[in-house]
Amino acid sequence: MTATNTSNESNCPAEGLLKMLSGKWKPQIFRLALNGSLRFNTLLRQMEGANKQSVATALRELEEQGILDRVVVKEKPLHVEYYLSKKGKSLIPVFRQLEALL
């Protein structure tokens, strides 16, 4: 592989998105976040077969990658909500194109 090919491949938005959303639960979490805020227990109910640890890990990784923003809502009951970040929203067109291929 030449340096030019490597450079072109690393600039591919779909490849970057696939790397960021790799894993069992991340694509599903991203897809659910398209509809608005996410709460942890709601995610557990919506994602059949998911367990607390795997969902928590996926949420943490998506937050670290800058795809989700974590917001502590200081209303009673105190809870945490996740939203697509600016970076996450910028990935929506690429995600939609990938979905269209399937």
N, C-alpha and C. Protein backbone atom coordinates (compact mmCIF):
# COMPACT_ATOMS: atom_id res chain seq x y z
N MET A 1 0.84 -1.17 0.00
CA MET A 1 0.00 0.00 0.00
C MET A 1 0.89 1.24 0.00
N THR A 2 0.58 2.18 -0.82
CA THR A 2 1.39 3.39 -0.89
C THR A 2 0.93 4.40 0.16
N ALA A 3 1.76 5.39 0.39
CA ALA A 3 1.41 6.43 1.35
C ALA A 3 0.15 7.18 0.91
N THR A 4 -0.02 7.36 -0.38
CA THR A 4 -1.20 8.05 -0.90
C THR A 4 -2.46 7.27 -0.58
N ASN A 5 -2.44 5.95 -0.80
CA ASN A 5 -3.60 5.13 -0.50
C ASN A 5 -3.94 5.17 0.98
N THR A 6 -2.94 5.09 1.82
CA THR A 6 -3.16 5.12 3.25
C THR A 6 -3.79 6.45 3.65
N SER A 7 -3.29 7.53 3.08
CA SER A 7 -3.82 8.86 3.38
C SER A 7 -5.27 8.98 2.95
N ASN A 8 -5.60 8.50 1.76
CA ASN A 8 -6.97 8.58 1.26
C ASN A 8 -7.93 7.73 2.09
N GLU A 9 -7.50 6.56 2.50
CA GLU A 9 -8.35 5.69 3.29
C GLU A 9 -8.64 6.29 4.65
N SER A 10 -7.66 6.94 5.26
CA SER A 10 -7.88 7.50 6.59
C SER A 10 -8.77 8.73 6.54
N ASN A 11 -8.96 9.33 5.36
CA ASN A 11 -9.84 10.49 5.22
C ASN A 11 -11.27 10.10 4.88
N CYS A 12 -11.55 8.84 4.72
CA CYS A 12 -12.88 8.37 4.37
C CYS A 12 -13.81 8.52 5.58
N PRO A 13 -14.87 9.35 5.47
CA PRO A 13 -15.75 9.56 6.62
C PRO A 13 -16.46 8.28 7.08
N ALA A 14 -16.81 7.42 6.14
CA ALA A 14 -17.49 6.18 6.51
C ALA A 14 -16.57 5.29 7.34
N GLU A 15 -15.29 5.22 6.97
CA GLU A 15 -14.35 4.40 7.72
C GLU A 15 -14.20 4.92 9.14
N GLY A 16 -14.11 6.24 9.28
CA GLY A 16 -13.99 6.83 10.61
C GLY A 16 -15.21 6.55 11.46
N LEU A 17 -16.39 6.66 10.85
CA LEU A 17 -17.63 6.39 11.57
C LEU A 17 -17.69 4.93 12.00
N LEU A 18 -17.32 4.03 11.10
CA LEU A 18 -17.34 2.61 11.43
C LEU A 18 -16.41 2.29 12.60
N LYS A 19 -15.25 2.93 12.63
CA LYS A 19 -14.32 2.70 13.74
C LYS A 19 -14.90 3.22 15.05
N MET A 20 -15.53 4.40 15.00
CA MET A 20 -16.09 4.99 16.22
C MET A 20 -17.28 4.19 16.74
N LEU A 21 -18.05 3.61 15.82
CA LEU A 21 -19.25 2.89 16.23
C LEU A 21 -19.04 1.37 16.26
N SER A 22 -17.78 0.96 16.27
CA SER A 22 -17.52 -0.48 16.32
C SER A 22 -17.88 -0.99 17.72
N GLY A 23 -18.42 -2.16 17.73
CA GLY A 23 -18.85 -2.77 18.98
C GLY A 23 -20.30 -3.21 18.84
N LYS A 24 -20.72 -3.99 19.80
CA LYS A 24 -22.05 -4.58 19.70
C LYS A 24 -23.18 -3.57 19.92
N TRP A 25 -23.02 -2.63 20.84
CA TRP A 25 -24.13 -1.76 21.22
C TRP A 25 -24.02 -0.33 20.73
N LYS A 26 -22.85 0.11 20.34
CA LYS A 26 -22.68 1.51 19.95
C LYS A 26 -23.56 1.93 18.77
N PRO A 27 -23.66 1.14 17.70
CA PRO A 27 -24.54 1.57 16.60
C PRO A 27 -25.99 1.72 17.02
N GLN A 28 -26.45 0.83 17.87
CA GLN A 28 -27.83 0.89 18.32
C GLN A 28 -28.05 2.11 19.23
N ILE A 29 -27.08 2.40 20.10
CA ILE A 29 -27.18 3.58 20.96
C ILE A 29 -27.18 4.84 20.10
N PHE A 30 -26.29 4.90 19.11
CA PHE A 30 -26.24 6.06 18.21
C PHE A 30 -27.59 6.24 17.52
N ARG A 31 -28.13 5.17 17.02
CA ARG A 31 -29.41 5.22 16.30
C ARG A 31 -30.52 5.72 17.22
N LEU A 32 -30.56 5.24 18.46
CA LEU A 32 -31.57 5.69 19.41
C LEU A 32 -31.38 7.16 19.78
N ALA A 33 -30.13 7.61 19.81
CA ALA A 33 -29.83 9.01 20.14
C ALA A 33 -30.30 9.97 19.05
N LEU A 34 -30.53 9.46 17.85
CA LEU A 34 -31.04 10.31 16.76
C LEU A 34 -32.41 10.88 17.12
N ASN A 35 -33.15 10.18 17.99
CA ASN A 35 -34.51 10.58 18.35
C ASN A 35 -34.56 11.53 19.53
N GLY A 36 -33.42 11.83 20.15
CA GLY A 36 -33.41 12.73 21.30
C GLY A 36 -32.62 12.15 22.46
N SER A 37 -32.96 12.63 23.65
CA SER A 37 -32.19 12.26 24.84
C SER A 37 -32.34 10.77 25.17
N LEU A 38 -31.30 10.25 25.81
CA LEU A 38 -31.28 8.85 26.22
C LEU A 38 -31.06 8.78 27.72
N ARG A 39 -31.77 7.89 28.36
CA ARG A 39 -31.52 7.60 29.77
C ARG A 39 -31.10 6.14 29.88
N PHE A 40 -30.25 5.87 30.85
CA PHE A 40 -29.63 4.56 30.98
C PHE A 40 -30.65 3.42 31.07
N ASN A 41 -31.60 3.52 31.99
CA ASN A 41 -32.56 2.42 32.17
C ASN A 41 -33.46 2.26 30.95
N THR A 42 -33.76 3.36 30.28
CA THR A 42 -34.55 3.27 29.06
C THR A 42 -33.78 2.50 27.99
N LEU A 43 -32.49 2.78 27.89
CA LEU A 43 -31.65 2.04 26.94
C LEU A 43 -31.67 0.55 27.24
N LEU A 44 -31.53 0.20 28.51
CA LEU A 44 -31.53 -1.22 28.88
C LEU A 44 -32.82 -1.91 28.46
N ARG A 45 -33.94 -1.22 28.60
CA ARG A 45 -35.22 -1.80 28.20
C ARG A 45 -35.35 -1.92 26.69
N GLN A 46 -34.81 -0.94 25.95
CA GLN A 46 -34.96 -0.93 24.50
C GLN A 46 -33.99 -1.86 23.78
N MET A 47 -32.88 -2.19 24.41
CA MET A 47 -31.85 -2.99 23.75
C MET A 47 -31.88 -4.41 24.29
N GLU A 48 -32.60 -5.25 23.59
CA GLU A 48 -32.78 -6.63 24.02
C GLU A 48 -31.44 -7.36 24.08
N GLY A 49 -31.18 -8.01 25.19
CA GLY A 49 -29.95 -8.78 25.36
C GLY A 49 -28.79 -7.98 25.94
N ALA A 50 -28.97 -6.68 26.12
CA ALA A 50 -27.89 -5.85 26.67
C ALA A 50 -27.89 -5.97 28.19
N ASN A 51 -26.70 -5.85 28.77
CA ASN A 51 -26.60 -5.82 30.22
C ASN A 51 -26.03 -4.48 30.66
N LYS A 52 -26.12 -4.21 31.96
CA LYS A 52 -25.71 -2.90 32.49
C LYS A 52 -24.26 -2.57 32.16
N GLN A 53 -23.38 -3.53 32.33
CA GLN A 53 -21.95 -3.27 32.12
C GLN A 53 -21.65 -2.93 30.66
N SER A 54 -22.21 -3.68 29.74
CA SER A 54 -21.92 -3.43 28.32
C SER A 54 -22.49 -2.09 27.85
N VAL A 55 -23.68 -1.73 28.33
CA VAL A 55 -24.28 -0.45 27.96
C VAL A 55 -23.48 0.70 28.58
N ALA A 56 -23.09 0.55 29.84
CA ALA A 56 -22.30 1.58 30.51
C ALA A 56 -20.97 1.79 29.79
N THR A 57 -20.33 0.71 29.39
CA THR A 57 -19.05 0.80 28.67
C THR A 57 -19.23 1.49 27.33
N ALA A 58 -20.26 1.12 26.59
CA ALA A 58 -20.52 1.72 25.28
C ALA A 58 -20.82 3.22 25.42
N LEU A 59 -21.62 3.60 26.42
CA LEU A 59 -21.93 5.00 26.64
C LEU A 59 -20.67 5.79 26.99
N ARG A 60 -19.85 5.23 27.86
CA ARG A 60 -18.61 5.89 28.26
C ARG A 60 -17.69 6.10 27.05
N GLU A 61 -17.55 5.08 26.21
CA GLU A 61 -16.69 5.18 25.03
C GLU A 61 -17.24 6.20 24.04
N LEU A 62 -18.55 6.22 23.83
CA LEU A 62 -19.14 7.21 22.92
C LEU A 62 -18.95 8.63 23.46
N GLU A 63 -19.01 8.76 24.78
CA GLU A 63 -18.77 10.06 25.40
C GLU A 63 -17.30 10.48 25.24
N GLU A 64 -16.39 9.54 25.47
CA GLU A 64 -14.96 9.82 25.32
C GLU A 64 -14.59 10.19 23.89
N GLN A 65 -15.29 9.59 22.92
CA GLN A 65 -15.04 9.88 21.51
C GLN A 65 -15.68 11.20 21.07
N GLY A 66 -16.46 11.80 21.96
CA GLY A 66 -17.10 13.07 21.63
C GLY A 66 -18.38 12.94 20.83
N ILE A 67 -18.94 11.73 20.76
CA ILE A 67 -20.16 11.51 19.99
C ILE A 67 -21.40 11.83 20.84
N LEU A 68 -21.33 11.52 22.13
CA LEU A 68 -22.43 11.81 23.04
C LEU A 68 -21.98 12.82 24.09
N ASP A 69 -22.91 13.65 24.51
CA ASP A 69 -22.70 14.53 25.66
C ASP A 69 -23.50 13.96 26.82
N ARG A 70 -22.90 13.95 27.99
CA ARG A 70 -23.54 13.46 29.21
C ARG A 70 -23.96 14.67 30.04
N VAL A 71 -25.25 14.70 30.40
CA VAL A 71 -25.78 15.83 31.16
C VAL A 71 -26.46 15.30 32.42
N VAL A 72 -26.04 15.83 33.58
CA VAL A 72 -26.69 15.48 34.84
C VAL A 72 -27.87 16.44 35.02
N VAL A 73 -29.06 15.87 35.11
CA VAL A 73 -30.28 16.67 35.28
C VAL A 73 -30.57 16.72 36.78
N LYS A 74 -30.50 17.93 37.32
CA LYS A 74 -30.60 18.09 38.77
C LYS A 74 -32.03 18.31 39.23
N GLU A 75 -32.96 17.67 38.56
CA GLU A 75 -34.35 17.67 38.99
C GLU A 75 -34.59 16.38 39.75
N LYS A 76 -35.65 16.36 40.52
CA LYS A 76 -35.96 15.12 41.23
C LYS A 76 -36.80 14.25 40.33
N PRO A 77 -36.47 13.01 40.16
CA PRO A 77 -35.26 12.38 40.67
C PRO A 77 -34.03 12.78 39.84
N LEU A 78 -32.92 12.92 40.52
CA LEU A 78 -31.65 13.23 39.87
C LEU A 78 -31.34 12.13 38.86
N HIS A 79 -31.01 12.50 37.62
CA HIS A 79 -30.71 11.49 36.61
C HIS A 79 -29.74 12.04 35.58
N VAL A 80 -29.24 11.14 34.75
CA VAL A 80 -28.29 11.50 33.70
C VAL A 80 -28.95 11.24 32.35
N GLU A 81 -28.76 12.17 31.42
CA GLU A 81 -29.25 12.00 30.06
C GLU A 81 -28.09 12.14 29.10
N TYR A 82 -28.17 11.43 28.00
CA TYR A 82 -27.16 11.49 26.96
C TYR A 82 -27.79 12.07 25.70
N TYR A 83 -27.04 12.95 25.04
CA TYR A 83 -27.49 13.59 23.80
C TYR A 83 -26.38 13.47 22.77
N LEU A 84 -26.75 13.50 21.50
CA LEU A 84 -25.74 13.58 20.46
C LEU A 84 -25.03 14.92 20.59
N SER A 85 -23.72 14.88 20.56
CA SER A 85 -22.92 16.10 20.60
C SER A 85 -22.92 16.74 19.21
N LYS A 86 -22.26 17.86 19.11
CA LYS A 86 -22.12 18.50 17.79
C LYS A 86 -21.41 17.55 16.83
N LYS A 87 -20.38 16.88 17.32
CA LYS A 87 -19.65 15.90 16.50
C LYS A 87 -20.57 14.75 16.12
N GLY A 88 -21.36 14.26 17.08
CA GLY A 88 -22.29 13.17 16.81
C GLY A 88 -23.31 13.54 15.75
N LYS A 89 -23.83 14.78 15.83
CA LYS A 89 -24.80 15.24 14.84
C LYS A 89 -24.18 15.35 13.46
N SER A 90 -22.89 15.68 13.42
CA SER A 90 -22.22 15.80 12.12
C SER A 90 -22.06 14.44 11.44
N LEU A 91 -22.17 13.35 12.21
CA LEU A 91 -22.03 12.00 11.66
C LEU A 91 -23.35 11.44 11.12
N ILE A 92 -24.45 12.12 11.37
CA ILE A 92 -25.76 11.60 10.96
C ILE A 92 -25.84 11.35 9.45
N PRO A 93 -25.40 12.29 8.58
CA PRO A 93 -25.51 12.02 7.14
C PRO A 93 -24.73 10.78 6.70
N VAL A 94 -23.56 10.57 7.28
CA VAL A 94 -22.76 9.39 6.93
C VAL A 94 -23.47 8.13 7.41
N PHE A 95 -24.02 8.18 8.61
CA PHE A 95 -24.76 7.05 9.17
C PHE A 95 -25.97 6.72 8.30
N ARG A 96 -26.68 7.74 7.86
CA ARG A 96 -27.86 7.53 7.00
C ARG A 96 -27.46 6.90 5.66
N GLN A 97 -26.33 7.33 5.10
CA GLN A 97 -25.85 6.74 3.84
C GLN A 97 -25.51 5.27 4.03
N LEU A 98 -24.89 4.94 5.14
CA LEU A 98 -24.57 3.54 5.41
C LEU A 98 -25.84 2.72 5.57
N GLU A 99 -26.83 3.28 6.26
CA GLU A 99 -28.11 2.58 6.43
C GLU A 99 -28.79 2.33 5.08
N ALA A 100 -28.69 3.30 4.20
CA ALA A 100 -29.34 3.20 2.89
C ALA A 100 -28.76 2.07 2.06
N LEU A 101 -27.51 1.70 2.32
CA LEU A 101 -26.87 0.63 1.58
C LEU A 101 -27.36 -0.74 1.99
N LEU A 102 -27.96 -0.84 3.16
CA LEU A 102 -28.38 -2.14 3.67
C LEU A 102 -29.77 -2.51 3.29
